Amino acid sequence: MASPASTIHQPVKDERVSVDLGDRSYDIVIGGNLLDRSGPLISKVLRKKRVAIITDETVAPLHLHRLHKTLEAEGIEQVSITLPAGEKTKDLKFFGDLLDRLLEARIGRDECLIAFGGGVIGDLTGFAASTLRRGVDFIQIPTTLLSQVDSSVGGKTGVNSRHGKNLIGAFYQPKLVVADVSLLDSLPERDLLAGYAEVVKYGLLGDFDFYNWLEQYGPAVIKGDIAARIHAVKTSVQTKADIVAADEKESGVRALLNLGHTFGHALEAETGYGPSLVHGEGVAVGMLMAMDLSAKMGLMTWQDCERVKAHYQNTGLLSELPAIKGVGWNAKKLLKHMYQDKKVDKGKLTFILMKSIGAAFTTQDVNEDDILDILDSYVRPHTERN
């Protein structure tokens, strides 16, 4: 296993991945120090040189002035809207407020929104773009690892409801994604690890060679090696781009991208979508639950499960339910949350399970008692302590 100081020792250059959706195709540009060079990239996809930048209170003081500068150099007029940071912003109240502010700013149908932030800002802005004046263009500039490798690509937009996560939204593709891996330097390690869980997901669901690469260079991705980060982001989004091009609206193979999410969203729901358990952490534990369920059903080996758990330990990924004040983990309550998942079909839960590392598949043929057993195995340490 490589040490955290390992690097991939290759020249650092910008990379480009295309999402092939006919007349709605777009590029994902990935590189270091890309934000300061993003003005010309953005200018090329604008119909009118006027944009509204939607960001949050964490990103704005760190990076907004740099985006303003590169856009000004291209003669692009700008309106900026700063929202509170965090998952709580991704709801109908803030969605309605954002639309009102965009209308007050007289953002027209030939103008463009720029989502400048993590997954919350990207999802909220994309959904606003899909509805404002019945549809305006938008661009993603994701500032977290999770949003760079996952939520900024593929056109899933929306907000949460008290009934569940991402239950209100639309499929609406951006015009461009600009992924500057240098922006990740300002993230706390917890946020980097939450994003890294989604990177691992791409190896687990369908790319064994990439998973092998991550076992060697994952620590370098987390520690800040630029070339390693570019490779990890490019490989992740290339996998997602290929899947989205084949199944844009999740009627088939795209469901594989939900590996760990059926469990993970239930964990998030139980914690109220608050900061005590962020999305990537829920997915990280959820993937382990999905693997344990796969092994319990005789689909994959327990040795593969232990191999992945060793990688979690080596990189610092969350591998068990945390003790959270006010949250009494309960298997039956978690199962109830799972039945609110948008992937429930004809009253049956849809799971992404695994035959081996790099070989995932979808199924509804799962015994509820097995699900409860897996949930209980993660809940039990907390029950015993209490």
Protein backbone atom coordinates (compact mmCIF):
# COMPACT_ATOMS: atom_id res chain seq x y z
CA MET A 1 0.00 0.00 0.00
CA ALA A 2 1.34 3.41 -0.93
CA SER A 3 2.05 5.95 1.79
CA PRO A 4 0.10 9.24 1.91
CA ALA A 5 3.11 10.96 0.35
CA SER A 6 2.89 8.86 -2.82
CA THR A 7 2.44 10.73 -6.09
CA ILE A 8 1.85 9.53 -9.62
CA HIS A 9 4.80 11.53 -11.02
CA GLN A 10 3.31 12.65 -14.31
CA PRO A 11 2.94 16.05 -16.00
CA VAL A 12 -0.05 18.04 -14.81
CA LYS A 13 -2.33 19.13 -17.63
CA ASP A 14 -5.99 19.99 -18.09
CA GLU A 15 -8.29 17.13 -19.05
CA ARG A 16 -11.62 17.19 -20.83
CA VAL A 17 -14.50 14.70 -20.72
CA SER A 18 -17.54 15.01 -22.97
CA VAL A 19 -21.07 14.01 -21.99
CA ASP A 20 -22.66 12.86 -25.24
CA LEU A 21 -26.35 13.81 -25.24
CA GLY A 22 -26.87 15.05 -28.79
CA ASP A 23 -27.77 18.74 -28.89
CA ARG A 24 -27.53 18.86 -25.07
CA SER A 25 -23.95 17.57 -24.95
CA TYR A 26 -21.41 19.43 -22.84
CA ASP A 27 -17.82 19.26 -21.66
CA ILE A 28 -16.33 18.74 -18.23
CA VAL A 29 -12.97 20.51 -18.00
CA ILE A 30 -10.69 19.32 -15.19
CA GLY A 31 -7.44 20.95 -14.11
CA GLY A 32 -5.38 22.75 -11.50
CA ASN A 33 -5.76 26.51 -10.92
CA LEU A 34 -8.56 26.41 -13.46
CA LEU A 35 -10.87 28.95 -11.81
CA ASP A 36 -8.62 31.87 -12.75
CA ARG A 37 -8.64 30.63 -16.36
CA SER A 38 -12.36 29.86 -16.55
CA GLY A 39 -13.55 33.12 -18.11
CA PRO A 40 -12.82 32.14 -21.74
CA LEU A 41 -14.32 28.67 -21.20
CA ILE A 42 -17.52 30.19 -19.82
CA SER A 43 -17.72 32.93 -22.44
CA LYS A 44 -17.81 30.35 -25.25
CA VAL A 45 -21.07 28.77 -24.04
CA LEU A 46 -22.97 31.98 -23.20
CA ARG A 47 -25.75 33.28 -25.41
CA LYS A 48 -25.58 36.68 -23.73
CA LYS A 49 -22.72 38.10 -21.68
CA ARG A 50 -24.70 38.34 -18.44
CA VAL A 51 -24.74 35.74 -15.67
CA ALA A 52 -26.06 35.21 -12.16
CA ILE A 53 -23.59 33.50 -9.83
CA ILE A 54 -25.16 31.47 -7.03
CA THR A 55 -22.76 30.57 -4.23
CA ASP A 56 -22.72 30.09 -0.47
CA GLU A 57 -21.30 31.79 2.60
CA THR A 58 -18.34 29.41 2.77
CA VAL A 59 -17.20 29.68 -0.86
CA ALA A 60 -17.88 33.39 -1.43
CA PRO A 61 -15.20 34.89 0.85
CA LEU A 62 -12.61 32.38 -0.35
CA HIS A 63 -13.04 32.36 -4.11
CA LEU A 64 -15.80 34.61 -5.46
CA HIS A 65 -13.47 37.54 -6.19
CA ARG A 66 -11.41 35.28 -8.47
CA LEU A 67 -14.46 34.26 -10.48
CA HIS A 68 -15.53 37.91 -10.74
CA LYS A 69 -12.09 38.84 -12.08
CA THR A 70 -11.91 36.22 -14.82
CA LEU A 71 -15.48 36.98 -15.96
CA GLU A 72 -14.83 40.74 -15.97
CA ALA A 73 -11.83 40.16 -18.25
CA GLU A 74 -14.28 38.64 -20.76
CA GLY A 75 -16.69 41.56 -20.50
CA ILE A 76 -19.35 39.44 -18.75
CA GLU A 77 -21.87 41.32 -16.58
CA GLN A 78 -22.51 39.62 -13.24
CA VAL A 79 -25.09 39.36 -10.48
CA SER A 80 -24.11 37.43 -7.34
CA ILE A 81 -26.40 35.71 -4.84
CA THR A 82 -24.92 34.20 -1.68
CA LEU A 83 -26.90 31.61 0.28
CA PRO A 84 -26.28 29.92 3.63
CA ALA A 85 -23.99 26.89 3.43
CA GLY A 86 -25.20 23.39 4.21
CA GLU A 87 -27.82 20.79 3.35
CA LYS A 88 -30.57 22.78 5.09
CA THR A 89 -30.44 25.28 2.21
CA LYS A 90 -31.54 22.59 -0.23
CA ASP A 91 -35.26 22.91 0.40
CA LEU A 92 -38.36 24.51 -1.11
CA LYS A 93 -38.13 27.67 0.98
CA PHE A 94 -34.65 28.58 -0.25
CA PHE A 95 -35.60 27.42 -3.74
CA GLY A 96 -38.53 29.86 -3.82
CA ASP A 97 -36.41 32.66 -2.37
CA LEU A 98 -33.71 32.05 -4.98
CA LEU A 99 -36.23 32.23 -7.84
CA ASP A 100 -37.61 35.51 -6.47
CA ARG A 101 -34.13 37.01 -6.29
CA LEU A 102 -33.31 35.89 -9.83
CA LEU A 103 -36.53 37.46 -11.12
CA GLU A 104 -35.79 40.66 -9.19
CA ALA A 105 -32.41 40.70 -10.96
CA ARG A 106 -34.26 40.37 -14.27
CA ILE A 107 -32.36 37.28 -15.38
CA GLY A 108 -33.70 36.55 -18.86
CA ARG A 109 -34.09 33.36 -20.86
CA ASP A 110 -30.95 34.08 -22.88
CA GLU A 111 -28.83 34.55 -19.76
CA CYS A 112 -27.10 31.97 -17.59
CA LEU A 113 -26.84 30.85 -13.98
CA ILE A 114 -23.50 29.72 -12.56
CA ALA A 115 -23.58 27.25 -9.67
CA PHE A 116 -20.42 28.03 -7.70
CA GLY A 117 -20.22 25.70 -4.73
CA GLY A 118 -20.74 22.14 -3.63
CA GLY A 119 -23.56 19.73 -4.30
CA VAL A 120 -26.21 21.73 -2.46
CA ILE A 121 -25.58 24.85 -4.55
CA GLY A 122 -25.30 22.79 -7.73
CA ASP A 123 -28.56 20.91 -7.17
CA LEU A 124 -30.47 24.02 -6.08
CA THR A 125 -29.15 26.19 -8.93
CA GLY A 126 -29.75 23.52 -11.55
CA PHE A 127 -33.35 23.08 -10.40
CA ALA A 128 -33.84 26.86 -10.44
CA ALA A 129 -32.42 26.98 -13.98
CA SER A 130 -34.85 24.28 -15.09
CA THR A 131 -37.87 26.28 -13.91
CA LEU A 132 -36.91 29.97 -14.22
CA ARG A 133 -38.82 31.38 -17.19
CA ARG A 134 -39.40 27.69 -18.11
CA GLY A 135 -35.69 27.07 -18.51
CA VAL A 136 -32.43 29.04 -18.65
CA ASP A 137 -28.86 27.83 -19.18
CA PHE A 138 -26.60 27.02 -16.26
CA ILE A 139 -22.95 26.17 -15.66
CA GLN A 140 -21.45 24.14 -12.84
CA ILE A 141 -18.24 25.19 -11.07
CA PRO A 142 -18.09 22.57 -8.30
CA THR A 143 -15.88 23.40 -5.33
CA THR A 144 -15.91 20.09 -3.42
CA LEU A 145 -14.55 16.70 -4.38
CA LEU A 146 -18.00 15.16 -4.03
CA SER A 147 -19.59 17.65 -6.40
CA GLN A 148 -16.70 17.45 -8.88
CA VAL A 149 -16.94 13.69 -9.28
CA ASP A 150 -20.67 13.22 -8.87
CA SER A 151 -23.40 15.80 -8.40
CA SER A 152 -22.20 18.36 -10.98
CA VAL A 153 -22.34 15.77 -13.78
CA GLY A 154 -25.44 14.16 -15.22
CA GLY A 155 -28.18 16.72 -14.84
CA LYS A 156 -29.84 15.57 -11.62
CA THR A 157 -31.16 18.68 -9.89
CA GLY A 158 -33.55 19.19 -7.01
CA VAL A 159 -34.27 19.79 -3.37
CA ASN A 160 -35.05 17.72 -0.30
CA SER A 161 -38.42 17.27 1.37
CA ARG A 162 -39.32 16.34 4.92
CA HIS A 163 -40.38 13.05 3.30
CA GLY A 164 -36.92 12.28 1.93
CA LYS A 165 -33.84 13.36 0.01
CA ASN A 166 -34.01 14.63 -3.59
CA LEU A 167 -37.70 13.82 -3.95
CA ILE A 168 -38.44 17.11 -5.76
CA GLY A 169 -36.45 18.00 -8.85
CA ALA A 170 -35.79 17.56 -12.55
CA PHE A 171 -33.26 16.18 -15.01
CA TYR A 172 -31.64 19.28 -16.49
CA GLN A 173 -28.18 19.30 -18.03
CA PRO A 174 -25.61 22.09 -17.60
CA LYS A 175 -23.88 23.78 -20.53
CA LEU A 176 -20.41 23.29 -19.02
CA VAL A 177 -18.69 21.91 -15.92
CA VAL A 178 -15.42 23.47 -14.73
CA ALA A 179 -13.70 21.30 -12.11
CA ASP A 180 -10.70 23.04 -10.56
CA VAL A 181 -9.03 20.50 -8.28
CA SER A 182 -6.94 23.25 -6.67
CA LEU A 183 -10.12 24.51 -4.98
CA LEU A 184 -10.07 21.32 -2.92
CA ASP A 185 -7.05 22.64 -1.01
CA SER A 186 -9.36 24.84 1.07
CA LEU A 187 -11.59 21.94 2.15
CA PRO A 188 -11.44 20.36 5.61
CA GLU A 189 -10.29 16.73 5.53
CA ARG A 190 -13.78 15.59 6.51
CA ASP A 191 -15.24 17.10 3.34
CA LEU A 192 -12.45 15.60 1.21
CA LEU A 193 -13.17 12.17 2.64
CA ALA A 194 -16.90 12.59 2.04
CA GLY A 195 -16.11 13.22 -1.62
CA TYR A 196 -13.57 10.44 -1.78
CA ALA A 197 -16.32 7.97 -0.87
CA GLU A 198 -17.97 8.77 -4.21
CA VAL A 199 -14.62 8.27 -5.98
CA VAL A 200 -14.33 4.81 -4.43
CA LYS A 201 -17.88 4.12 -5.59
CA TYR A 202 -16.84 4.35 -9.23
CA GLY A 203 -14.18 1.70 -8.72
CA LEU A 204 -16.53 -0.57 -6.81
CA LEU A 205 -19.44 -0.40 -9.22
CA GLY A 206 -17.65 -1.06 -12.48
CA ASP A 207 -13.92 -0.37 -12.73
CA PHE A 208 -11.70 -2.89 -10.96
CA ASP A 209 -8.51 -1.36 -12.41
CA PHE A 210 -9.48 2.05 -11.03
CA TYR A 211 -10.16 0.53 -7.63
CA ASN A 212 -6.67 -1.03 -7.69
CA TRP A 213 -5.24 2.40 -8.57
CA LEU A 214 -7.10 3.95 -5.64
CA GLU A 215 -5.65 1.43 -3.23
CA GLN A 216 -2.22 2.74 -4.21
CA TYR A 217 -2.89 6.43 -4.80
CA GLY A 218 -6.05 7.21 -2.83
CA PRO A 219 -4.04 8.67 0.06
CA ALA A 220 -2.29 10.99 -2.43
CA VAL A 221 -5.68 12.17 -3.73
CA ILE A 222 -6.70 13.09 -0.19
CA LYS A 223 -3.36 14.69 0.70
CA GLY A 224 -3.40 17.03 -2.30
CA ASP A 225 -1.34 15.61 -5.14
CA ILE A 226 -2.63 17.57 -8.17
CA ALA A 227 -1.93 14.91 -10.79
CA ALA A 228 -3.56 12.23 -8.64
CA ARG A 229 -6.62 14.40 -8.08
CA ILE A 230 -6.99 15.17 -11.78
CA HIS A 231 -6.76 11.47 -12.63
CA ALA A 232 -9.28 10.52 -9.94
CA VAL A 233 -11.77 13.19 -11.01
CA LYS A 234 -11.35 12.46 -14.72
CA THR A 235 -11.79 8.71 -14.31
CA SER A 236 -14.83 9.18 -12.07
CA VAL A 237 -16.60 11.63 -14.36
CA GLN A 238 -15.72 9.60 -17.47
CA THR A 239 -17.47 6.63 -15.90
CA LYS A 240 -20.47 8.74 -14.99
CA ALA A 241 -20.54 10.48 -18.39
CA ASP A 242 -20.63 7.12 -20.19
CA ILE A 243 -23.48 5.90 -17.97
CA VAL A 244 -25.47 9.14 -18.33
CA ALA A 245 -25.07 9.09 -22.11
CA ALA A 246 -26.52 5.57 -22.15
CA ASP A 247 -29.30 6.22 -19.63
CA GLU A 248 -29.94 9.90 -18.96
CA LYS A 249 -33.08 9.55 -16.85
CA GLU A 250 -32.20 6.48 -14.81
CA SER A 251 -34.44 3.91 -16.42
CA GLY A 252 -31.69 1.28 -16.50
CA VAL A 253 -27.92 1.20 -16.06
CA ARG A 254 -27.71 4.66 -14.43
CA ALA A 255 -29.23 3.19 -11.28
CA LEU A 256 -25.80 1.64 -10.61
CA LEU A 257 -24.60 5.10 -9.60
CA ASN A 258 -26.76 4.72 -6.49
CA LEU A 259 -24.45 2.13 -4.94
CA GLY A 260 -24.70 2.70 -1.19
CA HIS A 261 -27.36 5.38 -1.53
CA THR A 262 -30.43 3.36 -0.52
CA PHE A 263 -28.82 2.76 2.86
CA GLY A 264 -27.02 6.12 2.94
CA HIS A 265 -30.09 8.26 2.33
CA ALA A 266 -31.86 6.48 5.20
CA LEU A 267 -28.96 7.35 7.50
CA GLU A 268 -29.13 10.99 6.39
CA ALA A 269 -32.89 11.09 6.90
CA GLU A 270 -32.53 9.79 10.45
CA THR A 271 -30.06 12.60 11.24
CA GLY A 272 -32.31 15.24 9.63
CA TYR A 273 -29.87 15.97 6.77
CA GLY A 274 -27.79 17.96 9.22
CA PRO A 275 -24.04 18.43 9.64
CA SER A 276 -23.68 15.45 12.01
CA LEU A 277 -23.66 13.09 9.01
CA VAL A 278 -22.91 14.58 5.59
CA HIS A 279 -23.94 12.93 2.32
CA GLY A 280 -20.59 11.36 1.46
CA GLU A 281 -20.33 9.84 4.93
CA GLY A 282 -23.78 8.31 4.57
CA VAL A 283 -22.78 6.88 1.19
CA ALA A 284 -19.51 5.54 2.61
CA VAL A 285 -21.27 3.55 5.34
CA GLY A 286 -24.09 2.70 2.93
CA MET A 287 -21.65 1.07 0.50
CA LEU A 288 -20.28 -1.13 3.26
CA MET A 289 -23.83 -2.10 4.20
CA ALA A 290 -24.55 -2.97 0.55
CA MET A 291 -21.38 -5.09 0.39
CA ASP A 292 -22.21 -6.87 3.65
CA LEU A 293 -25.71 -7.56 2.33
CA SER A 294 -24.19 -8.92 -0.89
CA ALA A 295 -21.89 -11.21 1.08
CA LYS A 296 -24.71 -12.33 3.40
CA MET A 297 -26.71 -13.29 0.30
CA GLY A 298 -23.73 -15.26 -1.08
CA LEU A 299 -23.19 -12.89 -4.00
CA MET A 300 -19.66 -11.73 -3.15
CA THR A 301 -16.98 -12.98 -0.80
CA TRP A 302 -16.42 -11.71 2.71
CA GLN A 303 -12.75 -11.41 1.69
CA ASP A 304 -13.68 -8.70 -0.82
CA CYS A 305 -15.64 -6.92 1.91
CA GLU A 306 -12.63 -7.00 4.22
CA ARG A 307 -10.37 -5.73 1.43
CA VAL A 308 -12.58 -2.67 0.95
CA LYS A 309 -12.84 -2.10 4.69
CA ALA A 310 -9.03 -2.12 4.86
CA HIS A 311 -8.96 0.62 2.21
CA TYR A 312 -11.45 2.61 4.28
CA GLN A 313 -9.14 2.31 7.27
CA ASN A 314 -6.08 3.29 5.22
CA THR A 315 -7.71 6.46 3.90
CA GLY A 316 -9.85 7.43 6.89
CA LEU A 317 -13.28 6.84 5.35
CA LEU A 318 -16.16 6.49 7.80
CA SER A 319 -16.87 2.78 8.22
CA GLU A 320 -19.41 2.64 11.04
CA LEU A 321 -22.35 4.60 12.35
CA PRO A 322 -21.13 7.52 14.43
CA ALA A 323 -22.50 8.23 17.89
CA ILE A 324 -24.60 11.36 17.34
CA LYS A 325 -26.29 13.21 20.18
CA GLY A 326 -30.06 12.94 19.87
CA VAL A 327 -29.93 10.14 17.29
CA GLY A 328 -30.92 6.70 18.53
CA TRP A 329 -29.96 4.39 15.68
CA ASN A 330 -32.69 1.81 15.14
CA ALA A 331 -32.81 -0.80 12.37
CA LYS A 332 -36.59 -0.68 11.91
CA LYS A 333 -36.64 3.12 11.76
CA LEU A 334 -33.89 3.08 9.14
CA LEU A 335 -35.84 0.53 7.09
CA LYS A 336 -38.89 2.80 7.24
CA HIS A 337 -36.80 5.67 5.85
CA MET A 338 -35.63 3.39 3.04
CA TYR A 339 -39.20 2.89 1.87
CA GLN A 340 -39.42 6.66 1.25
CA ASP A 341 -36.54 6.42 -1.22
CA LYS A 342 -37.45 7.53 -4.75
CA LYS A 343 -36.08 4.24 -6.10
CA VAL A 344 -38.92 2.25 -4.49
CA ASP A 345 -40.83 0.57 -7.32
CA LYS A 346 -44.20 -1.15 -6.84
CA GLY A 347 -43.63 -1.12 -3.11
CA LYS A 348 -40.27 -2.87 -3.36
CA LEU A 349 -36.85 -1.49 -2.48
CA THR A 350 -34.24 -1.32 -5.23
CA PHE A 351 -30.71 -2.20 -4.20
CA ILE A 352 -27.36 -1.95 -5.90
CA LEU A 353 -25.50 -5.07 -4.84
CA MET A 354 -22.13 -6.55 -5.83
CA LYS A 355 -20.79 -9.84 -7.14
CA SER A 356 -17.21 -8.67 -6.63
CA ILE A 357 -15.19 -5.47 -6.55
CA GLY A 358 -15.99 -3.74 -9.85
CA ALA A 359 -19.12 -5.77 -10.58
CA ALA A 360 -22.34 -4.17 -9.32
CA PHE A 361 -25.93 -4.84 -10.39
CA THR A 362 -29.46 -3.75 -9.49
CA THR A 363 -32.05 -6.00 -7.89
CA GLN A 364 -35.28 -5.99 -5.92
CA ASP A 365 -34.92 -9.63 -4.95
CA VAL A 366 -33.83 -9.02 -1.38
CA ASN A 367 -35.30 -10.52 1.78
CA GLU A 368 -36.39 -7.85 4.26
CA ASP A 369 -35.05 -9.93 7.16
CA ASP A 370 -31.59 -9.84 5.58
CA ILE A 371 -31.82 -6.05 5.27
CA LEU A 372 -32.78 -5.75 8.93
CA ASP A 373 -29.94 -8.08 9.94
CA ILE A 374 -27.39 -5.87 8.18
CA LEU A 375 -28.87 -2.69 9.63
CA ASP A 376 -28.92 -4.27 13.08
CA SER A 377 -25.26 -5.29 12.80
CA TYR A 378 -24.35 -1.60 12.39
CA VAL A 379 -26.86 -0.38 14.97
CA ARG A 380 -25.99 -2.96 17.65
CA PRO A 381 -22.81 -1.33 19.04
CA HIS A 382 -24.83 1.81 19.79
CA THR A 383 -27.65 -0.21 21.35
CA GLU A 384 -25.18 -2.04 23.58
CA ARG A 385 -23.56 1.22 24.70
CA ASN A 386 -26.92 2.72 25.53
